[in-house]
N, C-alpha and C. Protein backbone atom coordinates (compact mmCIF):
# COMPACT_ATOMS: atom_id res chain seq x y z
N MET A 1 84.18 85.29 136.57
CA MET A 1 84.46 86.14 135.43
C MET A 1 84.28 87.61 135.81
N PRO A 2 85.09 88.50 135.24
CA PRO A 2 84.92 89.92 135.52
C PRO A 2 83.55 90.41 135.04
N SER A 3 83.04 91.45 135.71
CA SER A 3 81.77 92.03 135.32
C SER A 3 81.99 93.04 134.20
N ARG A 4 80.90 93.68 133.78
CA ARG A 4 81.02 94.70 132.75
C ARG A 4 81.90 95.85 133.25
N PRO A 5 82.48 96.62 132.33
CA PRO A 5 83.38 97.70 132.72
C PRO A 5 82.69 98.72 133.61
N TYR A 6 83.47 99.28 134.53
CA TYR A 6 82.98 100.36 135.38
C TYR A 6 83.22 101.68 134.67
N GLU A 7 82.16 102.48 134.53
CA GLU A 7 82.26 103.68 133.71
C GLU A 7 82.22 104.97 134.52
N GLY A 8 82.13 104.89 135.84
CA GLY A 8 82.10 106.09 136.67
C GLY A 8 83.46 106.76 136.71
N GLN A 9 83.46 108.08 137.05
CA GLN A 9 84.73 108.78 137.16
C GLN A 9 85.02 109.19 138.61
N ASP A 10 84.29 108.59 139.56
CA ASP A 10 84.50 108.94 140.96
C ASP A 10 85.86 108.49 141.47
N LEU A 11 86.39 107.38 140.93
CA LEU A 11 87.70 106.91 141.38
C LEU A 11 88.79 107.91 141.03
N GLU A 12 88.69 108.48 139.84
CA GLU A 12 89.67 109.50 139.45
C GLU A 12 89.49 110.76 140.27
N ALA A 13 88.22 111.11 140.55
CA ALA A 13 87.95 112.31 141.35
C ALA A 13 88.53 112.19 142.75
N LEU A 14 88.54 110.97 143.27
CA LEU A 14 89.01 110.75 144.63
C LEU A 14 90.48 110.34 144.70
N ALA A 15 91.10 110.13 143.57
CA ALA A 15 92.47 109.60 143.55
C ALA A 15 93.47 110.50 144.26
N ASP A 16 93.27 111.81 144.18
CA ASP A 16 94.21 112.75 144.77
C ASP A 16 93.84 113.16 146.19
N MET A 17 92.82 112.53 146.77
CA MET A 17 92.43 112.88 148.13
C MET A 17 93.28 112.10 149.13
N ARG A 18 94.55 112.44 149.17
CA ARG A 18 95.50 111.67 149.98
C ARG A 18 95.27 111.85 151.48
N ARG A 19 94.94 113.04 151.89
CA ARG A 19 94.69 113.28 153.31
C ARG A 19 93.46 112.49 153.77
N TYR A 20 92.45 112.48 152.94
CA TYR A 20 91.22 111.75 153.27
C TYR A 20 91.51 110.25 153.39
N GLN A 21 92.25 109.71 152.45
CA GLN A 21 92.55 108.28 152.46
C GLN A 21 93.40 107.91 153.68
N ASN A 22 94.38 108.72 154.01
CA ASN A 22 95.20 108.45 155.18
C ASN A 22 94.38 108.53 156.46
N TRP A 23 93.49 109.50 156.52
CA TRP A 23 92.61 109.64 157.69
C TRP A 23 91.74 108.40 157.86
N LEU A 24 91.18 107.93 156.77
CA LEU A 24 90.35 106.73 156.81
C LEU A 24 91.14 105.53 157.33
N LEU A 25 92.36 105.39 156.83
CA LEU A 25 93.16 104.22 157.20
C LEU A 25 93.66 104.24 158.63
N GLU A 26 93.66 105.39 159.27
CA GLU A 26 94.12 105.48 160.66
C GLU A 26 93.42 104.44 161.54
N SER A 27 92.13 104.30 161.37
CA SER A 27 91.35 103.41 162.23
C SER A 27 91.54 101.94 161.90
N PHE A 28 92.01 101.63 160.69
CA PHE A 28 92.14 100.26 160.23
C PHE A 28 93.56 99.72 160.31
N ARG A 29 94.54 100.60 160.40
CA ARG A 29 95.92 100.22 160.14
C ARG A 29 96.43 99.09 161.05
N THR A 30 96.08 99.11 162.34
CA THR A 30 96.57 98.06 163.23
C THR A 30 96.02 96.69 162.85
N ARG A 31 94.90 96.66 162.11
CA ARG A 31 94.31 95.39 161.68
C ARG A 31 94.84 94.95 160.32
N LEU A 32 95.78 95.70 159.77
CA LEU A 32 96.34 95.39 158.46
C LEU A 32 97.83 95.05 158.52
N LYS A 33 98.55 95.67 159.43
CA LYS A 33 100.00 95.49 159.49
C LYS A 33 100.38 94.04 159.78
N GLY A 34 101.22 93.49 158.93
CA GLY A 34 101.74 92.15 159.15
C GLY A 34 100.74 91.04 158.98
N ARG A 35 99.58 91.34 158.40
CA ARG A 35 98.53 90.35 158.30
C ARG A 35 98.25 89.95 156.85
N ARG A 36 97.56 88.84 156.72
CA ARG A 36 97.09 88.41 155.40
C ARG A 36 95.73 89.06 155.17
N VAL A 37 95.66 89.93 154.17
CA VAL A 37 94.50 90.81 153.99
C VAL A 37 93.82 90.54 152.66
N LEU A 38 92.50 90.53 152.69
CA LEU A 38 91.68 90.46 151.49
C LEU A 38 90.95 91.79 151.33
N GLU A 39 91.13 92.45 150.18
CA GLU A 39 90.36 93.65 149.89
C GLU A 39 89.43 93.36 148.71
N VAL A 40 88.16 93.60 148.91
CA VAL A 40 87.16 93.37 147.88
C VAL A 40 86.71 94.71 147.31
N GLY A 41 86.68 94.80 145.98
CA GLY A 41 86.34 96.07 145.34
C GLY A 41 87.48 97.05 145.42
N ALA A 42 88.67 96.59 145.08
CA ALA A 42 89.88 97.41 145.24
C ALA A 42 89.98 98.53 144.21
N GLY A 43 89.12 98.51 143.19
CA GLY A 43 89.12 99.59 142.20
C GLY A 43 90.43 99.66 141.43
N ILE A 44 91.04 100.84 141.39
CA ILE A 44 92.33 101.00 140.71
C ILE A 44 93.48 101.05 141.71
N GLY A 45 93.17 100.72 142.99
CA GLY A 45 94.23 100.58 143.98
C GLY A 45 94.65 101.85 144.69
N ASN A 46 93.81 102.90 144.64
CA ASN A 46 94.17 104.15 145.31
C ASN A 46 94.42 103.95 146.80
N LEU A 47 93.52 103.24 147.45
CA LEU A 47 93.69 103.01 148.89
C LEU A 47 94.65 101.86 149.14
N SER A 48 94.58 100.83 148.32
CA SER A 48 95.46 99.67 148.48
C SER A 48 96.92 100.08 148.52
N GLU A 49 97.27 101.02 147.65
CA GLU A 49 98.65 101.50 147.56
C GLU A 49 99.18 101.99 148.90
N ARG A 50 98.28 102.43 149.77
CA ARG A 50 98.68 103.05 151.03
C ARG A 50 98.89 102.06 152.17
N TYR A 51 98.54 100.78 151.94
CA TYR A 51 98.72 99.83 153.03
C TYR A 51 99.35 98.50 152.64
N VAL A 52 99.35 98.11 151.35
CA VAL A 52 99.73 96.74 151.00
C VAL A 52 101.16 96.39 151.42
N ASP A 53 102.06 97.35 151.40
CA ASP A 53 103.44 97.04 151.74
C ASP A 53 103.65 96.85 153.24
N GLU A 54 102.60 97.08 154.02
CA GLU A 54 102.66 96.82 155.46
C GLU A 54 102.11 95.45 155.81
N THR A 55 101.50 94.77 154.82
CA THR A 55 100.90 93.46 155.07
C THR A 55 101.92 92.35 154.81
N SER A 56 101.61 91.14 155.29
CA SER A 56 102.43 89.99 154.93
C SER A 56 102.02 89.49 153.55
N GLU A 57 100.73 89.61 153.23
CA GLU A 57 100.21 89.26 151.92
C GLU A 57 98.89 89.98 151.71
N ALA A 58 98.66 90.48 150.51
CA ALA A 58 97.40 91.15 150.20
C ALA A 58 96.81 90.55 148.94
N VAL A 59 95.53 90.21 149.01
CA VAL A 59 94.79 89.73 147.84
C VAL A 59 93.76 90.80 147.50
N LEU A 60 93.86 91.36 146.31
CA LEU A 60 93.00 92.47 145.88
C LEU A 60 92.04 91.97 144.81
N VAL A 61 90.75 92.06 145.10
CA VAL A 61 89.71 91.54 144.20
C VAL A 61 88.95 92.72 143.60
N GLU A 62 88.76 92.69 142.28
CA GLU A 62 88.01 93.75 141.60
C GLU A 62 87.14 93.13 140.51
N PRO A 63 85.82 93.33 140.59
CA PRO A 63 84.93 92.71 139.60
C PRO A 63 84.90 93.39 138.23
N ALA A 64 85.12 94.70 138.16
CA ALA A 64 85.03 95.40 136.88
C ALA A 64 86.28 95.12 136.05
N GLU A 65 86.09 94.65 134.83
CA GLU A 65 87.21 94.17 134.03
C GLU A 65 88.23 95.27 133.71
N ASN A 66 87.75 96.49 133.44
CA ASN A 66 88.69 97.56 133.11
C ASN A 66 89.50 97.99 134.32
N LEU A 67 88.89 98.00 135.50
CA LEU A 67 89.61 98.37 136.71
C LEU A 67 90.57 97.25 137.14
N ALA A 68 90.15 96.00 136.96
CA ALA A 68 90.99 94.87 137.33
C ALA A 68 92.29 94.88 136.52
N ALA A 69 92.21 95.27 135.26
CA ALA A 69 93.41 95.34 134.42
C ALA A 69 94.37 96.39 134.95
N ARG A 70 93.85 97.54 135.34
CA ARG A 70 94.70 98.60 135.89
C ARG A 70 95.29 98.19 137.23
N LEU A 71 94.51 97.47 138.01
CA LEU A 71 95.00 96.98 139.31
C LEU A 71 96.14 96.00 139.11
N ARG A 72 96.00 95.12 138.15
CA ARG A 72 97.04 94.13 137.86
C ARG A 72 98.32 94.83 137.39
N ASP A 73 98.20 95.83 136.55
CA ASP A 73 99.38 96.56 136.08
C ASP A 73 100.06 97.30 137.23
N ARG A 74 99.28 97.81 138.13
CA ARG A 74 99.83 98.61 139.23
C ARG A 74 100.60 97.78 140.24
N PHE A 75 100.11 96.58 140.52
CA PHE A 75 100.72 95.77 141.59
C PHE A 75 101.41 94.51 141.07
N GLY A 76 101.51 94.36 139.76
CA GLY A 76 102.07 93.14 139.18
C GLY A 76 103.49 92.82 139.61
N GLY A 77 104.27 93.83 139.98
CA GLY A 77 105.66 93.60 140.35
C GLY A 77 105.89 93.30 141.82
N ARG A 78 104.83 93.23 142.61
CA ARG A 78 104.99 92.99 144.06
C ARG A 78 104.60 91.55 144.38
N ARG A 79 105.56 90.78 144.83
CA ARG A 79 105.36 89.35 145.02
C ARG A 79 104.35 89.04 146.12
N HIS A 80 104.20 89.95 147.09
CA HIS A 80 103.29 89.68 148.20
C HIS A 80 101.87 90.17 147.92
N VAL A 81 101.64 90.71 146.70
CA VAL A 81 100.32 91.21 146.33
C VAL A 81 99.78 90.37 145.17
N ARG A 82 98.56 89.88 145.34
CA ARG A 82 97.89 89.09 144.31
C ARG A 82 96.62 89.81 143.90
N THR A 83 96.43 90.02 142.62
CA THR A 83 95.20 90.64 142.14
C THR A 83 94.33 89.60 141.46
N MET A 84 93.01 89.73 141.65
CA MET A 84 92.07 88.77 141.08
C MET A 84 90.91 89.54 140.45
N ALA A 85 90.56 89.17 139.22
CA ALA A 85 89.46 89.80 138.50
C ALA A 85 88.21 88.94 138.63
N GLY A 86 87.14 89.55 139.11
CA GLY A 86 85.89 88.82 139.25
C GLY A 86 85.16 89.23 140.52
N SER A 87 83.92 88.78 140.63
CA SER A 87 83.15 89.04 141.84
C SER A 87 83.69 88.19 142.98
N LEU A 88 83.29 88.53 144.19
CA LEU A 88 83.73 87.74 145.34
C LEU A 88 83.27 86.29 145.20
N ALA A 89 82.04 86.08 144.75
CA ALA A 89 81.54 84.72 144.58
C ALA A 89 82.36 83.95 143.54
N ALA A 90 82.81 84.65 142.49
CA ALA A 90 83.57 83.99 141.43
C ALA A 90 84.97 83.59 141.87
N VAL A 91 85.60 84.39 142.71
CA VAL A 91 86.98 84.11 143.11
C VAL A 91 87.08 83.26 144.36
N THR A 92 85.99 83.16 145.13
CA THR A 92 86.04 82.42 146.40
C THR A 92 86.53 80.98 146.25
N PRO A 93 86.15 80.24 145.17
CA PRO A 93 86.66 78.87 145.04
C PRO A 93 88.19 78.78 144.95
N TYR A 94 88.85 79.89 144.63
CA TYR A 94 90.30 79.90 144.51
C TYR A 94 90.98 80.43 145.78
N LEU A 95 90.19 80.66 146.82
CA LEU A 95 90.71 81.15 148.09
C LEU A 95 90.42 80.13 149.19
N ALA A 96 91.38 79.88 150.04
CA ALA A 96 91.20 78.89 151.11
C ALA A 96 90.27 79.44 152.19
N PRO A 97 89.31 78.63 152.64
CA PRO A 97 88.43 79.08 153.72
C PRO A 97 89.23 79.37 154.99
N ALA A 98 88.74 80.31 155.78
CA ALA A 98 89.33 80.66 157.07
C ALA A 98 90.84 80.91 156.97
N SER A 99 91.25 81.67 155.94
CA SER A 99 92.68 81.87 155.72
C SER A 99 93.14 83.32 155.83
N PHE A 100 92.20 84.26 156.01
CA PHE A 100 92.58 85.67 156.06
C PHE A 100 92.47 86.22 157.48
N ASP A 101 93.40 87.08 157.80
CA ASP A 101 93.36 87.76 159.11
C ASP A 101 92.39 88.94 159.09
N SER A 102 92.29 89.60 157.94
CA SER A 102 91.43 90.78 157.82
C SER A 102 90.83 90.86 156.42
N CYS A 103 89.60 91.37 156.36
CA CYS A 103 88.95 91.69 155.08
C CYS A 103 88.55 93.16 155.13
N ILE A 104 88.86 93.88 154.07
CA ILE A 104 88.58 95.31 154.03
C ILE A 104 87.72 95.64 152.82
N LEU A 105 86.66 96.40 153.06
CA LEU A 105 85.76 96.87 152.00
C LEU A 105 85.54 98.36 152.18
N ILE A 106 86.00 99.13 151.24
CA ILE A 106 85.86 100.58 151.29
C ILE A 106 84.88 101.01 150.20
N ASN A 107 83.72 101.53 150.62
CA ASN A 107 82.69 101.96 149.68
C ASN A 107 82.34 100.85 148.67
N VAL A 108 82.06 99.68 149.20
CA VAL A 108 81.73 98.52 148.37
C VAL A 108 80.36 97.93 148.73
N LEU A 109 80.10 97.76 150.01
CA LEU A 109 78.90 97.02 150.45
C LEU A 109 77.61 97.65 149.96
N GLU A 110 77.60 98.98 149.81
CA GLU A 110 76.40 99.68 149.35
C GLU A 110 76.09 99.41 147.88
N HIS A 111 77.07 98.87 147.15
CA HIS A 111 76.87 98.55 145.73
C HIS A 111 76.24 97.16 145.54
N VAL A 112 76.18 96.38 146.60
CA VAL A 112 75.76 94.99 146.52
C VAL A 112 74.29 94.87 146.92
N GLU A 113 73.50 94.26 146.07
CA GLU A 113 72.06 94.15 146.35
C GLU A 113 71.82 93.32 147.61
N ASP A 114 72.50 92.18 147.73
CA ASP A 114 72.34 91.32 148.90
C ASP A 114 73.59 91.47 149.77
N ASP A 115 73.60 92.49 150.63
CA ASP A 115 74.80 92.76 151.43
C ASP A 115 75.05 91.68 152.47
N LYS A 116 74.01 91.09 153.01
CA LYS A 116 74.20 90.02 153.99
C LYS A 116 74.90 88.82 153.37
N ASP A 117 74.52 88.46 152.15
CA ASP A 117 75.16 87.33 151.48
C ASP A 117 76.65 87.58 151.27
N MET A 118 77.02 88.81 150.89
CA MET A 118 78.44 89.11 150.73
C MET A 118 79.18 88.99 152.06
N LEU A 119 78.57 89.46 153.12
CA LEU A 119 79.20 89.38 154.43
C LEU A 119 79.36 87.92 154.88
N LEU A 120 78.40 87.09 154.56
CA LEU A 120 78.51 85.66 154.88
C LEU A 120 79.67 85.02 154.12
N GLN A 121 79.86 85.42 152.87
CA GLN A 121 81.00 84.92 152.10
C GLN A 121 82.33 85.34 152.73
N LEU A 122 82.38 86.58 153.18
CA LEU A 122 83.60 87.07 153.82
C LEU A 122 83.84 86.36 155.15
N ARG A 123 82.77 86.10 155.88
CA ARG A 123 82.89 85.39 157.16
C ARG A 123 83.55 84.04 156.95
N ALA A 124 83.22 83.36 155.86
CA ALA A 124 83.79 82.05 155.59
C ALA A 124 85.27 82.11 155.24
N LEU A 125 85.73 83.25 154.75
CA LEU A 125 87.13 83.40 154.36
C LEU A 125 88.03 83.88 155.49
N LEU A 126 87.40 84.41 156.54
CA LEU A 126 88.18 84.92 157.67
C LEU A 126 88.49 83.83 158.69
N LYS A 127 89.66 83.97 159.30
CA LYS A 127 90.00 83.11 160.43
C LYS A 127 89.08 83.44 161.61
N PRO A 128 88.92 82.52 162.56
CA PRO A 128 88.15 82.86 163.77
C PRO A 128 88.72 84.12 164.42
N ASN A 129 87.84 85.04 164.73
CA ASN A 129 88.20 86.33 165.31
C ASN A 129 88.89 87.26 164.31
N GLY A 130 88.90 86.89 163.03
CA GLY A 130 89.45 87.77 162.01
C GLY A 130 88.67 89.06 161.91
N ALA A 131 89.30 90.09 161.40
CA ALA A 131 88.72 91.43 161.40
C ALA A 131 88.01 91.76 160.08
N LEU A 132 86.81 92.27 160.20
CA LEU A 132 86.07 92.83 159.07
C LEU A 132 86.13 94.35 159.19
N LEU A 133 86.65 95.00 158.15
CA LEU A 133 86.85 96.45 158.17
C LEU A 133 85.99 97.07 157.09
N LEU A 134 84.97 97.81 157.50
CA LEU A 134 83.98 98.35 156.56
C LEU A 134 83.95 99.87 156.59
N PHE A 135 83.77 100.45 155.42
CA PHE A 135 83.54 101.89 155.29
C PHE A 135 82.43 102.05 154.27
N VAL A 136 81.30 102.64 154.71
CA VAL A 136 80.11 102.72 153.85
C VAL A 136 79.50 104.12 153.94
N PRO A 137 78.68 104.51 152.96
CA PRO A 137 77.97 105.78 153.05
C PRO A 137 76.87 105.71 154.10
N ALA A 138 76.65 106.82 154.79
CA ALA A 138 75.67 106.86 155.87
C ALA A 138 74.56 107.87 155.58
N LEU A 139 73.49 107.76 156.38
CA LEU A 139 72.38 108.70 156.40
C LEU A 139 71.54 108.62 155.12
N PRO A 140 70.48 107.84 155.14
CA PRO A 140 69.62 107.68 153.96
C PRO A 140 69.10 108.98 153.37
N PHE A 141 68.91 110.01 154.19
CA PHE A 141 68.39 111.27 153.65
C PHE A 141 69.38 111.96 152.72
N LEU A 142 70.64 111.52 152.74
CA LEU A 142 71.64 112.10 151.84
C LEU A 142 71.61 111.48 150.45
N TYR A 143 70.85 110.39 150.28
CA TYR A 143 70.85 109.70 148.98
C TYR A 143 70.35 110.66 147.89
N GLY A 144 71.21 110.86 146.88
CA GLY A 144 70.88 111.79 145.81
C GLY A 144 71.48 111.35 144.49
N THR A 145 71.66 112.29 143.59
CA THR A 145 72.11 111.97 142.24
C THR A 145 73.50 111.36 142.21
N LEU A 146 74.38 111.77 143.13
CA LEU A 146 75.73 111.21 143.13
C LEU A 146 75.71 109.75 143.57
N ASP A 147 74.81 109.40 144.49
CA ASP A 147 74.65 107.99 144.87
C ASP A 147 74.12 107.18 143.71
N ALA A 148 73.11 107.72 143.05
CA ALA A 148 72.53 107.01 141.91
C ALA A 148 73.54 106.85 140.78
N LEU A 149 74.39 107.86 140.62
CA LEU A 149 75.40 107.84 139.55
C LEU A 149 76.31 106.63 139.66
N VAL A 150 76.67 106.25 140.90
CA VAL A 150 77.58 105.13 141.10
C VAL A 150 76.86 103.87 141.59
N ASN A 151 75.55 103.84 141.36
CA ASN A 151 74.75 102.63 141.63
C ASN A 151 74.77 102.18 143.09
N HIS A 152 74.61 103.13 144.00
CA HIS A 152 74.43 102.77 145.40
C HIS A 152 73.02 102.20 145.60
N HIS A 153 72.92 101.05 146.24
CA HIS A 153 71.61 100.50 146.59
C HIS A 153 71.05 101.16 147.84
N ARG A 154 71.94 101.68 148.68
CA ARG A 154 71.49 102.21 149.96
C ARG A 154 72.57 103.08 150.60
N ARG A 155 72.17 103.90 151.55
CA ARG A 155 73.06 104.51 152.53
C ARG A 155 72.62 103.96 153.88
N TYR A 156 73.57 103.68 154.75
CA TYR A 156 73.28 102.96 155.99
C TYR A 156 73.02 103.90 157.17
N THR A 157 72.26 103.38 158.13
CA THR A 157 72.20 103.96 159.46
C THR A 157 73.08 103.10 160.36
N LYS A 158 73.36 103.61 161.54
CA LYS A 158 74.13 102.79 162.49
C LYS A 158 73.41 101.47 162.76
N SER A 159 72.12 101.55 162.98
CA SER A 159 71.38 100.34 163.35
C SER A 159 71.29 99.35 162.19
N SER A 160 71.12 99.85 160.96
CA SER A 160 71.02 98.92 159.83
C SER A 160 72.34 98.22 159.55
N LEU A 161 73.45 98.94 159.71
CA LEU A 161 74.76 98.31 159.49
C LEU A 161 75.07 97.32 160.61
N TRP A 162 74.81 97.73 161.85
CA TRP A 162 75.03 96.84 163.00
C TRP A 162 74.24 95.55 162.81
N SER A 163 73.00 95.68 162.35
CA SER A 163 72.12 94.52 162.21
C SER A 163 72.64 93.54 161.16
N VAL A 164 72.96 94.04 159.96
CA VAL A 164 73.36 93.12 158.90
C VAL A 164 74.71 92.49 159.19
N VAL A 165 75.62 93.23 159.82
CA VAL A 165 76.92 92.67 160.19
C VAL A 165 76.74 91.56 161.24
N GLY A 166 75.88 91.81 162.23
CA GLY A 166 75.64 90.81 163.26
C GLY A 166 74.97 89.57 162.72
N GLU A 167 74.01 89.75 161.81
CA GLU A 167 73.29 88.61 161.23
C GLU A 167 74.22 87.73 160.40
N ALA A 168 75.31 88.28 159.91
CA ALA A 168 76.25 87.52 159.08
C ALA A 168 77.31 86.80 159.91
N GLY A 169 77.24 86.89 161.22
CA GLY A 169 78.16 86.14 162.06
C GLY A 169 79.35 86.91 162.57
N PHE A 170 79.18 88.23 162.73
CA PHE A 170 80.25 89.07 163.25
C PHE A 170 79.82 89.75 164.54
N SER A 171 80.80 90.02 165.36
CA SER A 171 80.59 90.81 166.57
C SER A 171 81.17 92.20 166.33
N VAL A 172 80.34 93.23 166.43
CA VAL A 172 80.79 94.59 166.17
C VAL A 172 81.67 95.09 167.31
N HIS A 173 82.87 95.47 166.97
CA HIS A 173 83.81 95.99 167.96
C HIS A 173 83.76 97.52 168.04
N HIS A 174 83.61 98.15 166.88
CA HIS A 174 83.63 99.62 166.83
C HIS A 174 82.80 100.07 165.65
N LEU A 175 81.90 101.01 165.88
CA LEU A 175 81.04 101.54 164.82
C LEU A 175 80.82 103.02 165.09
N ARG A 176 81.22 103.86 164.14
CA ARG A 176 81.06 105.29 164.37
C ARG A 176 80.88 106.03 163.05
N TYR A 177 80.29 107.22 163.17
CA TYR A 177 80.18 108.10 162.03
C TYR A 177 81.54 108.69 161.68
N PHE A 178 81.68 109.09 160.42
CA PHE A 178 82.96 109.59 159.90
C PHE A 178 82.65 110.73 158.93
N ASP A 179 83.40 111.79 159.01
CA ASP A 179 83.33 112.93 158.08
C ASP A 179 82.04 113.74 158.26
N VAL A 180 81.87 114.31 159.45
CA VAL A 180 80.70 115.14 159.73
C VAL A 180 80.67 116.38 158.84
N LEU A 181 81.84 116.92 158.50
CA LEU A 181 81.88 118.13 157.69
C LEU A 181 81.48 117.87 156.24
N GLY A 182 81.43 116.61 155.85
CA GLY A 182 81.05 116.27 154.48
C GLY A 182 79.55 116.15 154.28
N VAL A 183 78.76 116.20 155.36
CA VAL A 183 77.32 115.99 155.24
C VAL A 183 76.67 117.08 154.38
N ILE A 184 76.93 118.33 154.70
CA ILE A 184 76.27 119.42 153.97
C ILE A 184 76.73 119.48 152.51
N PRO A 185 78.05 119.42 152.21
CA PRO A 185 78.45 119.43 150.80
C PRO A 185 77.83 118.30 149.98
N TRP A 186 77.74 117.10 150.56
CA TRP A 186 77.14 115.98 149.82
C TRP A 186 75.65 116.22 149.59
N PHE A 187 74.96 116.75 150.60
CA PHE A 187 73.54 117.03 150.48
C PHE A 187 73.30 118.09 149.39
N VAL A 188 74.10 119.13 149.41
CA VAL A 188 73.94 120.19 148.43
C VAL A 188 74.21 119.68 147.02
N ALA A 189 75.31 118.92 146.86
CA ALA A 189 75.68 118.44 145.52
C ALA A 189 74.68 117.43 144.98
N GLY A 190 74.23 116.50 145.83
CA GLY A 190 73.39 115.41 145.34
C GLY A 190 71.90 115.62 145.45
N ARG A 191 71.46 116.45 146.41
CA ARG A 191 70.02 116.64 146.61
C ARG A 191 69.52 118.00 146.16
N VAL A 192 70.38 119.03 146.30
CA VAL A 192 69.96 120.38 145.93
C VAL A 192 70.35 120.69 144.48
N LEU A 193 71.64 120.60 144.17
CA LEU A 193 72.12 120.90 142.83
C LEU A 193 71.96 119.73 141.87
N ARG A 194 71.79 118.53 142.44
CA ARG A 194 71.58 117.31 141.64
C ARG A 194 72.68 117.13 140.59
N ARG A 195 73.91 117.17 141.06
CA ARG A 195 75.06 117.01 140.18
C ARG A 195 75.04 115.64 139.50
N SER A 196 75.57 115.60 138.28
CA SER A 196 75.60 114.35 137.51
C SER A 196 77.02 113.83 137.31
N ARG A 197 77.99 114.46 137.97
CA ARG A 197 79.37 113.98 137.93
C ARG A 197 80.10 114.51 139.16
N PHE A 198 81.21 113.83 139.49
CA PHE A 198 82.03 114.25 140.62
C PHE A 198 82.95 115.38 140.19
N ASP A 199 83.08 116.37 141.03
CA ASP A 199 83.90 117.54 140.75
C ASP A 199 85.30 117.32 141.30
N GLU A 200 86.26 117.04 140.42
CA GLU A 200 87.62 116.73 140.85
C GLU A 200 88.27 117.92 141.55
N THR A 201 88.03 119.12 141.07
CA THR A 201 88.61 120.31 141.69
C THR A 201 88.06 120.49 143.11
N ALA A 202 86.76 120.34 143.27
CA ALA A 202 86.15 120.46 144.59
C ALA A 202 86.68 119.39 145.54
N ALA A 203 86.89 118.17 145.01
CA ALA A 203 87.42 117.09 145.84
C ALA A 203 88.83 117.42 146.34
N ARG A 204 89.67 117.98 145.47
CA ARG A 204 91.03 118.34 145.88
C ARG A 204 91.01 119.46 146.92
N LEU A 205 90.15 120.44 146.73
CA LEU A 205 90.04 121.54 147.69
C LEU A 205 89.53 121.04 149.04
N TYR A 206 88.56 120.15 149.00
CA TYR A 206 88.03 119.57 150.24
C TYR A 206 89.13 118.81 150.98
N ASP A 207 89.92 118.06 150.22
CA ASP A 207 91.01 117.29 150.83
C ASP A 207 92.06 118.20 151.45
N ARG A 208 92.33 119.29 150.79
CA ARG A 208 93.41 120.18 151.27
C ARG A 208 93.00 121.02 152.47
N PHE A 209 91.77 121.54 152.44
CA PHE A 209 91.39 122.52 153.46
C PHE A 209 90.41 122.01 154.51
N VAL A 210 89.51 121.11 154.14
CA VAL A 210 88.47 120.67 155.07
C VAL A 210 88.87 119.41 155.83
N VAL A 211 89.48 118.46 155.14
CA VAL A 211 89.84 117.20 155.78
C VAL A 211 90.73 117.37 157.01
N PRO A 212 91.78 118.20 156.98
CA PRO A 212 92.60 118.36 158.20
C PRO A 212 91.79 118.86 159.39
N VAL A 213 90.83 119.75 159.14
CA VAL A 213 89.98 120.26 160.23
C VAL A 213 89.06 119.16 160.74
N GLY A 214 88.42 118.45 159.82
CA GLY A 214 87.52 117.38 160.21
C GLY A 214 88.23 116.28 160.97
N ALA A 215 89.41 115.90 160.51
CA ALA A 215 90.17 114.84 161.19
C ALA A 215 90.55 115.27 162.60
N MET A 216 90.95 116.53 162.76
CA MET A 216 91.32 117.04 164.09
C MET A 216 90.11 117.00 165.03
N LEU A 217 88.96 117.46 164.55
CA LEU A 217 87.76 117.48 165.38
C LEU A 217 87.32 116.08 165.78
N GLU A 218 87.41 115.14 164.85
CA GLU A 218 86.92 113.79 165.14
C GLU A 218 87.90 112.97 165.97
N ARG A 219 89.16 113.41 166.02
CA ARG A 219 90.10 112.78 166.95
C ARG A 219 89.79 113.21 168.38
N MET A 220 89.17 114.37 168.52
CA MET A 220 88.82 114.89 169.85
C MET A 220 87.57 114.23 170.40
N GLY A 221 86.73 113.70 169.53
CA GLY A 221 85.51 113.04 169.97
C GLY A 221 84.69 112.58 168.79
N GLU A 222 83.91 111.51 168.99
CA GLU A 222 83.09 110.97 167.90
C GLU A 222 81.98 111.95 167.53
N PRO A 223 81.77 112.18 166.24
CA PRO A 223 80.71 113.09 165.81
C PRO A 223 79.34 112.44 165.97
N PRO A 224 78.29 113.24 166.13
CA PRO A 224 76.93 112.70 166.29
C PRO A 224 76.36 112.16 164.98
N LEU A 225 76.94 112.54 163.87
CA LEU A 225 76.54 112.03 162.55
C LEU A 225 77.71 112.26 161.59
N GLY A 226 77.60 111.69 160.41
CA GLY A 226 78.67 111.84 159.44
C GLY A 226 78.25 111.32 158.09
N LYS A 227 79.00 111.71 157.06
CA LYS A 227 78.68 111.28 155.70
C LYS A 227 78.86 109.79 155.51
N ASN A 228 79.71 109.18 156.33
CA ASN A 228 80.01 107.75 156.23
C ASN A 228 79.96 107.09 157.59
N LEU A 229 79.98 105.77 157.55
CA LEU A 229 80.12 104.96 158.76
C LEU A 229 81.36 104.09 158.64
N LEU A 230 82.08 103.99 159.72
CA LEU A 230 83.28 103.16 159.79
C LEU A 230 83.00 102.06 160.81
N CYS A 231 83.23 100.82 160.41
CA CYS A 231 82.90 99.67 161.27
C CYS A 231 84.08 98.70 161.33
N ILE A 232 84.39 98.26 162.54
CA ILE A 232 85.35 97.18 162.76
C ILE A 232 84.61 96.08 163.52
N ALA A 233 84.61 94.87 162.94
CA ALA A 233 83.92 93.74 163.55
C ALA A 233 84.82 92.52 163.50
N ASN A 234 84.50 91.53 164.32
CA ASN A 234 85.30 90.31 164.37
C ASN A 234 84.43 89.09 164.07
N ALA A 235 85.00 88.15 163.32
CA ALA A 235 84.29 86.91 163.00
C ALA A 235 84.10 86.08 164.26
N VAL A 236 82.88 85.69 164.51
CA VAL A 236 82.56 84.92 165.72
C VAL A 236 82.90 83.46 165.48
N GLY A 237 83.51 82.83 166.48
CA GLY A 237 83.79 81.39 166.41
C GLY A 237 85.23 81.08 166.11
């Protein structure tokens, strides 16, 4: 069954960050093209819209009832896209085990109290050597009002993410920091100014002027830290 409605406005704040979303998908795209993909926590489909037509089939799962309705309206006309309302545990009985080539979670795992249990569920749905594609918030010292606003249980370190992914039966292929230029703005907004909502104007300006610079720098070399962590792992066995 779908969960209670999601009342945050961060999805709308991030909806117009097209450069940011494309930059994020650069690292995942080869694991999505032509494959059967499961996305958990698809929200209103901002990111899904950018890759689903490259897949052979996409299953989009969203637990919040109000977001699931918008997701269904958005993708209802595409025969290769299936939307499902409910938690991963609730929809798993309707999904064949070991049937997906890739599972993608963008800013989802940090919302789950038992992250290892969710990863174990995903492991069971992936084919052997199937790809787990994760994007999570990084650096615990950045945890502030904006994290609390959207019910983040944690921000990850490289070692904590590597550990929980490995314990769930995955082999980490690639793990790196992402968005080094976002560290200071997030710290200022959430720890210094203690903002209680996402600033849509600031998000658009960041996307237009900062993201192209950050993407260029990070293509030249991995940053020593970043606002997020990007992980690609493979199901063992």
